[in-house]
Amino acid sequence: MPSFNRVLLLGNLTRDPILKHLPSQTQVAEFGLAANRKFRTPQGEDRVDTVFVDCAAFGKTGELIAQYCRKGRSIFVEGRLRYDSWEDKQGAKHSKLSVVVETVQFLGSREGSNQTARPQSKGEPQPKENRRPEPVSVKQDDVPF
């Protein structure tokens, strides 16, 4: 029986990414993502349902996320679900679903950049520090598991 494991999420980071190194020296950025769903109840009340997802991005993708993203930044991620289960020191079993990020697209502008709108004459290049960052799309094929 065929199967398909693909996740697409657009949301905001709930915390700053943490960049770690695996024993194989592969970099991994771990972060949380919050995605909202707005809907109206049958009674006509507007509601927002928020889902919080733990994410991990490996290699160059993880490095770029750790470098350019901070809490509150909007990003679009594509990846796959991963199921982790473990037993704690007291013998209790735990499990969770998380997303292994394979591609990412940064949305909006970088936090803390001094981007000011000012008229430009034709042919005048925009200063590098005031340029709007281009969306970055990164594909990671060599995830360690």
N, C-alpha and C. Protein backbone atom coordinates (compact mmCIF):
# COMPACT_ATOMS: atom_id res chain seq x y z
N MET A 1 0.84 -1.17 0.00
CA MET A 1 0.00 0.00 0.00
C MET A 1 0.89 1.24 0.00
N PRO A 2 0.69 2.17 -0.94
CA PRO A 2 1.51 3.37 -1.02
C PRO A 2 1.21 4.31 0.15
N SER A 3 2.19 5.13 0.49
CA SER A 3 2.00 6.13 1.55
C SER A 3 2.63 7.44 1.12
N PHE A 4 2.25 8.50 1.82
CA PHE A 4 2.72 9.84 1.48
C PHE A 4 2.88 10.63 2.77
N ASN A 5 4.03 11.19 3.00
CA ASN A 5 4.30 11.94 4.23
C ASN A 5 4.84 13.31 3.82
N ARG A 6 3.98 14.31 3.74
CA ARG A 6 4.37 15.64 3.32
C ARG A 6 3.61 16.67 4.16
N VAL A 7 4.31 17.68 4.64
CA VAL A 7 3.72 18.72 5.48
C VAL A 7 4.08 20.08 4.88
N LEU A 8 3.09 20.96 4.78
CA LEU A 8 3.29 22.34 4.36
C LEU A 8 2.75 23.23 5.47
N LEU A 9 3.58 24.11 6.02
CA LEU A 9 3.15 24.99 7.09
C LEU A 9 3.63 26.41 6.84
N LEU A 10 2.75 27.37 7.09
CA LEU A 10 3.12 28.77 7.05
C LEU A 10 2.74 29.33 8.41
N GLY A 11 3.72 29.87 9.10
CA GLY A 11 3.44 30.38 10.44
C GLY A 11 4.57 31.25 10.94
N ASN A 12 4.53 31.52 12.24
CA ASN A 12 5.52 32.37 12.89
C ASN A 12 6.32 31.55 13.89
N LEU A 13 7.61 31.86 13.99
CA LEU A 13 8.46 31.18 14.96
C LEU A 13 8.02 31.54 16.38
N THR A 14 7.92 30.54 17.24
CA THR A 14 7.51 30.78 18.62
C THR A 14 8.71 31.02 19.53
N ARG A 15 9.88 30.73 19.04
CA ARG A 15 11.11 30.96 19.81
C ARG A 15 12.28 31.06 18.82
N ASP A 16 13.38 31.63 19.28
CA ASP A 16 14.57 31.70 18.44
C ASP A 16 15.07 30.29 18.14
N PRO A 17 15.53 30.05 16.90
CA PRO A 17 16.08 28.73 16.58
C PRO A 17 17.34 28.45 17.40
N ILE A 18 17.53 27.19 17.76
CA ILE A 18 18.73 26.76 18.48
C ILE A 18 19.52 25.88 17.51
N LEU A 19 20.76 26.28 17.21
CA LEU A 19 21.61 25.53 16.30
C LEU A 19 22.49 24.58 17.10
N LYS A 20 22.38 23.29 16.78
CA LYS A 20 23.18 22.26 17.44
C LYS A 20 23.96 21.49 16.40
N HIS A 21 24.91 20.68 16.87
CA HIS A 21 25.69 19.83 15.98
C HIS A 21 25.51 18.38 16.41
N LEU A 22 25.20 17.52 15.46
CA LEU A 22 25.10 16.09 15.73
C LEU A 22 26.50 15.51 15.84
N PRO A 23 26.65 14.30 16.39
CA PRO A 23 27.98 13.68 16.45
C PRO A 23 28.66 13.58 15.08
N SER A 24 27.85 13.51 14.01
CA SER A 24 28.41 13.46 12.65
C SER A 24 28.81 14.84 12.15
N GLN A 25 28.72 15.87 13.02
CA GLN A 25 29.03 17.26 12.71
C GLN A 25 27.99 17.91 11.78
N THR A 26 26.86 17.24 11.54
CA THR A 26 25.76 17.84 10.79
C THR A 26 25.07 18.85 11.69
N GLN A 27 24.77 20.02 11.14
CA GLN A 27 24.09 21.05 11.91
C GLN A 27 22.59 20.79 11.90
N VAL A 28 21.94 21.09 13.01
CA VAL A 28 20.48 20.99 13.10
C VAL A 28 19.96 22.20 13.85
N ALA A 29 18.98 22.87 13.26
CA ALA A 29 18.32 24.01 13.91
C ALA A 29 16.96 23.52 14.40
N GLU A 30 16.70 23.71 15.68
CA GLU A 30 15.42 23.33 16.25
C GLU A 30 14.65 24.60 16.60
N PHE A 31 13.37 24.62 16.25
CA PHE A 31 12.54 25.80 16.51
C PHE A 31 11.07 25.38 16.58
N GLY A 32 10.27 26.27 17.10
CA GLY A 32 8.84 26.05 17.16
C GLY A 32 8.13 26.95 16.17
N LEU A 33 7.02 26.46 15.63
CA LEU A 33 6.25 27.21 14.65
C LEU A 33 4.79 27.22 15.09
N ALA A 34 4.15 28.38 15.02
CA ALA A 34 2.72 28.50 15.33
C ALA A 34 1.98 28.84 14.04
N ALA A 35 0.96 28.05 13.73
CA ALA A 35 0.14 28.28 12.53
C ALA A 35 -1.31 28.47 12.97
N ASN A 36 -1.97 29.48 12.44
CA ASN A 36 -3.34 29.80 12.81
C ASN A 36 -4.33 29.37 11.75
N ARG A 37 -5.54 29.04 12.21
CA ARG A 37 -6.66 28.76 11.31
C ARG A 37 -7.82 29.58 11.81
N LYS A 38 -8.30 30.49 10.96
CA LYS A 38 -9.44 31.34 11.33
C LYS A 38 -10.70 30.70 10.75
N PHE A 39 -11.76 30.70 11.57
CA PHE A 39 -13.03 30.13 11.11
C PHE A 39 -14.18 30.76 11.86
N ARG A 40 -15.36 30.53 11.36
CA ARG A 40 -16.57 31.04 11.99
C ARG A 40 -17.40 29.86 12.46
N THR A 41 -17.86 29.92 13.71
CA THR A 41 -18.68 28.85 14.28
C THR A 41 -20.08 28.92 13.68
N PRO A 42 -20.85 27.83 13.81
CA PRO A 42 -22.24 27.86 13.32
C PRO A 42 -23.07 28.98 13.97
N GLN A 43 -22.66 29.45 15.15
CA GLN A 43 -23.37 30.54 15.83
C GLN A 43 -22.92 31.91 15.32
N GLY A 44 -21.96 31.95 14.37
CA GLY A 44 -21.49 33.20 13.78
C GLY A 44 -20.34 33.86 14.51
N GLU A 45 -19.76 33.16 15.47
CA GLU A 45 -18.64 33.70 16.23
C GLU A 45 -17.33 33.44 15.49
N ASP A 46 -16.49 34.47 15.36
CA ASP A 46 -15.18 34.30 14.73
C ASP A 46 -14.21 33.69 15.74
N ARG A 47 -13.49 32.68 15.31
CA ARG A 47 -12.54 31.99 16.18
C ARG A 47 -11.20 31.84 15.47
N VAL A 48 -10.15 31.67 16.28
CA VAL A 48 -8.81 31.37 15.77
C VAL A 48 -8.31 30.14 16.50
N ASP A 49 -7.91 29.14 15.74
CA ASP A 49 -7.35 27.91 16.29
C ASP A 49 -5.86 27.91 15.96
N THR A 50 -5.02 27.81 16.97
CA THR A 50 -3.56 27.84 16.77
C THR A 50 -2.98 26.48 17.06
N VAL A 51 -2.11 26.01 16.17
CA VAL A 51 -1.40 24.76 16.40
C VAL A 51 0.09 25.10 16.54
N PHE A 52 0.74 24.47 17.53
CA PHE A 52 2.16 24.69 17.78
C PHE A 52 2.91 23.43 17.38
N VAL A 53 3.93 23.59 16.54
CA VAL A 53 4.65 22.45 15.97
C VAL A 53 6.14 22.60 16.22
N ASP A 54 6.78 21.54 16.72
CA ASP A 54 8.23 21.51 16.84
C ASP A 54 8.81 21.13 15.49
N CYS A 55 9.87 21.84 15.08
CA CYS A 55 10.50 21.61 13.77
C CYS A 55 12.00 21.45 13.94
N ALA A 56 12.60 20.71 13.01
CA ALA A 56 14.06 20.54 12.96
C ALA A 56 14.50 20.63 11.50
N ALA A 57 15.52 21.43 11.25
CA ALA A 57 16.07 21.59 9.90
C ALA A 57 17.56 21.25 9.96
N PHE A 58 18.02 20.44 9.02
CA PHE A 58 19.38 19.93 9.02
C PHE A 58 20.25 20.62 7.97
N GLY A 59 21.56 20.58 8.19
CA GLY A 59 22.54 21.05 7.22
C GLY A 59 22.41 22.54 6.93
N LYS A 60 22.57 22.89 5.67
CA LYS A 60 22.55 24.29 5.23
C LYS A 60 21.21 24.95 5.53
N THR A 61 20.12 24.19 5.40
CA THR A 61 18.80 24.73 5.70
C THR A 61 18.73 25.17 7.16
N GLY A 62 19.19 24.33 8.05
CA GLY A 62 19.20 24.67 9.47
C GLY A 62 20.08 25.86 9.77
N GLU A 63 21.24 25.90 9.12
CA GLU A 63 22.17 27.02 9.32
C GLU A 63 21.54 28.34 8.90
N LEU A 64 20.85 28.35 7.75
CA LEU A 64 20.21 29.58 7.27
C LEU A 64 19.06 30.01 8.17
N ILE A 65 18.28 29.06 8.65
CA ILE A 65 17.18 29.39 9.56
C ILE A 65 17.74 30.00 10.84
N ALA A 66 18.78 29.40 11.40
CA ALA A 66 19.39 29.92 12.64
C ALA A 66 19.99 31.31 12.41
N GLN A 67 20.51 31.55 11.22
CA GLN A 67 21.16 32.83 10.92
C GLN A 67 20.15 33.96 10.70
N TYR A 68 19.06 33.68 9.99
CA TYR A 68 18.17 34.75 9.55
C TYR A 68 16.83 34.83 10.29
N CYS A 69 16.50 33.88 11.12
CA CYS A 69 15.18 33.87 11.75
C CYS A 69 15.26 34.09 13.25
N ARG A 70 14.29 34.80 13.76
CA ARG A 70 14.13 35.04 15.18
C ARG A 70 12.66 34.86 15.53
N LYS A 71 12.39 34.81 16.81
CA LYS A 71 11.03 34.66 17.30
C LYS A 71 10.11 35.68 16.62
N GLY A 72 8.97 35.22 16.13
CA GLY A 72 8.00 36.10 15.48
C GLY A 72 8.10 36.15 13.98
N ARG A 73 9.22 35.71 13.40
CA ARG A 73 9.43 35.75 11.95
C ARG A 73 8.49 34.79 11.23
N SER A 74 7.90 35.23 10.14
CA SER A 74 7.03 34.37 9.33
C SER A 74 7.87 33.57 8.34
N ILE A 75 7.62 32.27 8.30
CA ILE A 75 8.30 31.42 7.33
C ILE A 75 7.32 30.38 6.79
N PHE A 76 7.64 29.85 5.63
CA PHE A 76 6.90 28.77 5.01
C PHE A 76 7.84 27.57 4.95
N VAL A 77 7.42 26.45 5.55
CA VAL A 77 8.27 25.27 5.54
C VAL A 77 7.55 24.11 4.86
N GLU A 78 8.34 23.27 4.22
CA GLU A 78 7.86 22.03 3.63
C GLU A 78 8.74 20.92 4.16
N GLY A 79 8.13 19.83 4.54
CA GLY A 79 8.91 18.74 5.08
C GLY A 79 8.08 17.49 5.28
N ARG A 80 8.47 16.72 6.30
CA ARG A 80 7.77 15.46 6.57
C ARG A 80 7.60 15.30 8.07
N LEU A 81 6.60 14.52 8.45
CA LEU A 81 6.37 14.24 9.87
C LEU A 81 7.34 13.20 10.36
N ARG A 82 7.77 13.36 11.62
CA ARG A 82 8.63 12.37 12.27
C ARG A 82 8.01 12.05 13.62
N TYR A 83 7.95 10.77 13.94
CA TYR A 83 7.40 10.31 15.20
C TYR A 83 8.55 9.88 16.10
N ASP A 84 8.65 10.51 17.27
CA ASP A 84 9.68 10.15 18.25
C ASP A 84 8.99 9.56 19.46
N SER A 85 9.57 8.50 20.01
CA SER A 85 9.07 7.94 21.27
C SER A 85 10.27 7.62 22.15
N TRP A 86 10.09 7.80 23.47
CA TRP A 86 11.17 7.56 24.41
C TRP A 86 10.59 7.23 25.77
N GLU A 87 11.46 6.75 26.62
CA GLU A 87 11.09 6.42 27.99
C GLU A 87 11.93 7.28 28.92
N ASP A 88 11.29 7.94 29.89
CA ASP A 88 12.05 8.79 30.81
C ASP A 88 12.68 7.97 31.93
N LYS A 89 13.38 8.63 32.82
CA LYS A 89 14.12 7.95 33.90
C LYS A 89 13.20 7.19 34.84
N GLN A 90 11.95 7.64 34.95
CA GLN A 90 10.99 6.96 35.82
C GLN A 90 10.27 5.83 35.10
N GLY A 91 10.58 5.59 33.85
CA GLY A 91 9.98 4.50 33.09
C GLY A 91 8.71 4.87 32.35
N ALA A 92 8.30 6.14 32.42
CA ALA A 92 7.09 6.57 31.70
C ALA A 92 7.41 6.73 30.22
N LYS A 93 6.48 6.27 29.38
CA LYS A 93 6.68 6.38 27.93
C LYS A 93 6.11 7.69 27.43
N HIS A 94 6.84 8.31 26.51
CA HIS A 94 6.43 9.58 25.90
C HIS A 94 6.57 9.46 24.39
N SER A 95 5.82 10.30 23.67
CA SER A 95 5.95 10.36 22.22
C SER A 95 5.50 11.73 21.73
N LYS A 96 5.98 12.10 20.54
CA LYS A 96 5.55 13.36 19.93
C LYS A 96 5.79 13.31 18.43
N LEU A 97 5.00 14.10 17.72
CA LEU A 97 5.19 14.31 16.29
C LEU A 97 5.92 15.62 16.09
N SER A 98 6.83 15.67 15.16
CA SER A 98 7.52 16.91 14.81
C SER A 98 7.70 16.93 13.29
N VAL A 99 8.16 18.04 12.78
CA VAL A 99 8.36 18.20 11.34
C VAL A 99 9.86 18.28 11.05
N VAL A 100 10.32 17.47 10.12
CA VAL A 100 11.68 17.57 9.60
C VAL A 100 11.59 18.46 8.36
N VAL A 101 12.17 19.65 8.46
CA VAL A 101 12.08 20.66 7.41
C VAL A 101 13.04 20.29 6.27
N GLU A 102 12.51 20.28 5.05
CA GLU A 102 13.33 20.00 3.87
C GLU A 102 13.54 21.24 3.02
N THR A 103 12.52 22.10 2.95
CA THR A 103 12.68 23.38 2.25
C THR A 103 12.05 24.47 3.11
N VAL A 104 12.57 25.68 2.97
CA VAL A 104 12.06 26.81 3.74
C VAL A 104 12.04 28.03 2.84
N GLN A 105 11.05 28.88 3.06
CA GLN A 105 11.00 30.15 2.37
C GLN A 105 10.77 31.22 3.42
N PHE A 106 11.67 32.20 3.48
CA PHE A 106 11.55 33.28 4.45
C PHE A 106 10.56 34.31 3.90
N LEU A 107 9.65 34.75 4.75
CA LEU A 107 8.64 35.71 4.33
C LEU A 107 8.86 37.02 5.05
N GLY A 108 8.48 38.12 4.43
CA GLY A 108 8.64 39.43 5.07
C GLY A 108 10.08 39.85 5.07
N SER A 109 10.38 40.81 5.96
CA SER A 109 11.74 41.32 6.03
C SER A 109 12.40 40.83 7.30
N ARG A 110 13.72 40.89 7.31
CA ARG A 110 14.47 40.47 8.49
C ARG A 110 14.17 41.40 9.64
N GLU A 111 14.10 40.82 10.82
CA GLU A 111 13.89 41.60 12.03
C GLU A 111 15.11 42.47 12.29
N GLY A 112 14.87 43.68 12.72
CA GLY A 112 15.97 44.54 13.12
C GLY A 112 16.65 45.26 11.97
N SER A 113 16.25 45.01 10.74
CA SER A 113 16.88 45.73 9.65
C SER A 113 16.23 47.10 9.53
N ASN A 114 17.03 48.09 9.24
CA ASN A 114 16.52 49.46 9.11
C ASN A 114 16.09 49.71 7.68
N GLN A 115 14.99 49.14 7.31
CA GLN A 115 14.50 49.33 5.95
C GLN A 115 13.61 50.55 5.93
N THR A 116 14.01 51.53 5.16
CA THR A 116 13.21 52.74 5.05
C THR A 116 12.80 52.90 3.60
N ALA A 117 11.57 53.34 3.43
CA ALA A 117 11.09 53.58 2.07
C ALA A 117 11.50 54.99 1.68
N ARG A 118 12.24 55.11 0.60
CA ARG A 118 12.59 56.44 0.09
C ARG A 118 12.59 56.37 -1.42
N PRO A 119 12.18 57.44 -2.06
CA PRO A 119 12.14 57.42 -3.52
C PRO A 119 13.54 57.24 -4.10
N GLN A 120 13.63 56.48 -5.15
CA GLN A 120 14.90 56.23 -5.83
C GLN A 120 14.81 56.82 -7.24
N SER A 121 15.89 57.43 -7.68
CA SER A 121 15.92 57.89 -9.06
C SER A 121 16.24 56.69 -9.95
N LYS A 122 15.85 56.80 -11.22
CA LYS A 122 16.10 55.69 -12.13
C LYS A 122 17.59 55.40 -12.22
N GLY A 123 17.91 54.14 -12.18
CA GLY A 123 19.28 53.71 -12.33
C GLY A 123 20.09 53.77 -11.06
N GLU A 124 19.54 54.37 -10.00
CA GLU A 124 20.28 54.45 -8.74
C GLU A 124 20.13 53.14 -7.98
N PRO A 125 21.23 52.43 -7.75
CA PRO A 125 21.10 51.17 -7.02
C PRO A 125 20.72 51.43 -5.58
N GLN A 126 19.90 50.55 -5.05
CA GLN A 126 19.49 50.66 -3.65
C GLN A 126 20.66 50.22 -2.78
N PRO A 127 20.96 50.95 -1.70
CA PRO A 127 22.05 50.54 -0.82
C PRO A 127 21.82 49.13 -0.31
N LYS A 128 22.92 48.37 -0.18
CA LYS A 128 22.82 46.96 0.20
C LYS A 128 22.11 46.78 1.53
N GLU A 129 22.40 47.63 2.52
CA GLU A 129 21.79 47.45 3.83
C GLU A 129 20.29 47.75 3.83
N ASN A 130 19.78 48.46 2.82
CA ASN A 130 18.36 48.77 2.76
C ASN A 130 17.60 47.90 1.77
N ARG A 131 18.28 47.00 1.11
CA ARG A 131 17.61 46.12 0.15
C ARG A 131 16.71 45.14 0.87
N ARG A 132 15.56 44.90 0.29
CA ARG A 132 14.66 43.90 0.85
C ARG A 132 15.23 42.53 0.53
N PRO A 133 15.34 41.65 1.54
CA PRO A 133 15.91 40.34 1.27
C PRO A 133 15.01 39.53 0.34
N GLU A 134 15.65 38.84 -0.57
CA GLU A 134 14.91 37.97 -1.48
C GLU A 134 14.48 36.72 -0.72
N PRO A 135 13.30 36.16 -1.03
CA PRO A 135 12.94 34.91 -0.37
C PRO A 135 13.97 33.83 -0.69
N VAL A 136 14.34 33.08 0.32
CA VAL A 136 15.34 32.04 0.16
C VAL A 136 14.63 30.70 0.18
N SER A 137 14.90 29.88 -0.81
CA SER A 137 14.32 28.55 -0.83
C SER A 137 15.47 27.55 -0.85
N VAL A 138 15.51 26.68 0.14
CA VAL A 138 16.61 25.74 0.30
C VAL A 138 16.04 24.34 0.33
N LYS A 139 16.66 23.40 -0.38
CA LYS A 139 16.23 22.00 -0.38
C LYS A 139 17.33 21.17 0.27
N GLN A 140 16.94 20.35 1.24
CA GLN A 140 17.91 19.53 1.97
C GLN A 140 17.62 18.06 1.67
N ASP A 141 18.52 17.39 0.94
CA ASP A 141 18.30 16.00 0.58
C ASP A 141 19.04 15.01 1.49
N ASP A 142 20.09 15.45 2.17
CA ASP A 142 20.86 14.52 2.97
C ASP A 142 20.58 14.67 4.46
N VAL A 143 19.33 14.47 4.84
CA VAL A 143 18.95 14.45 6.25
C VAL A 143 19.45 13.13 6.81
N PRO A 144 20.06 13.14 8.00
CA PRO A 144 20.73 11.93 8.50
C PRO A 144 19.81 10.76 8.84
N PHE A 145 18.50 10.93 8.86
CA PHE A 145 17.62 9.79 9.12
C PHE A 145 16.32 9.92 8.40
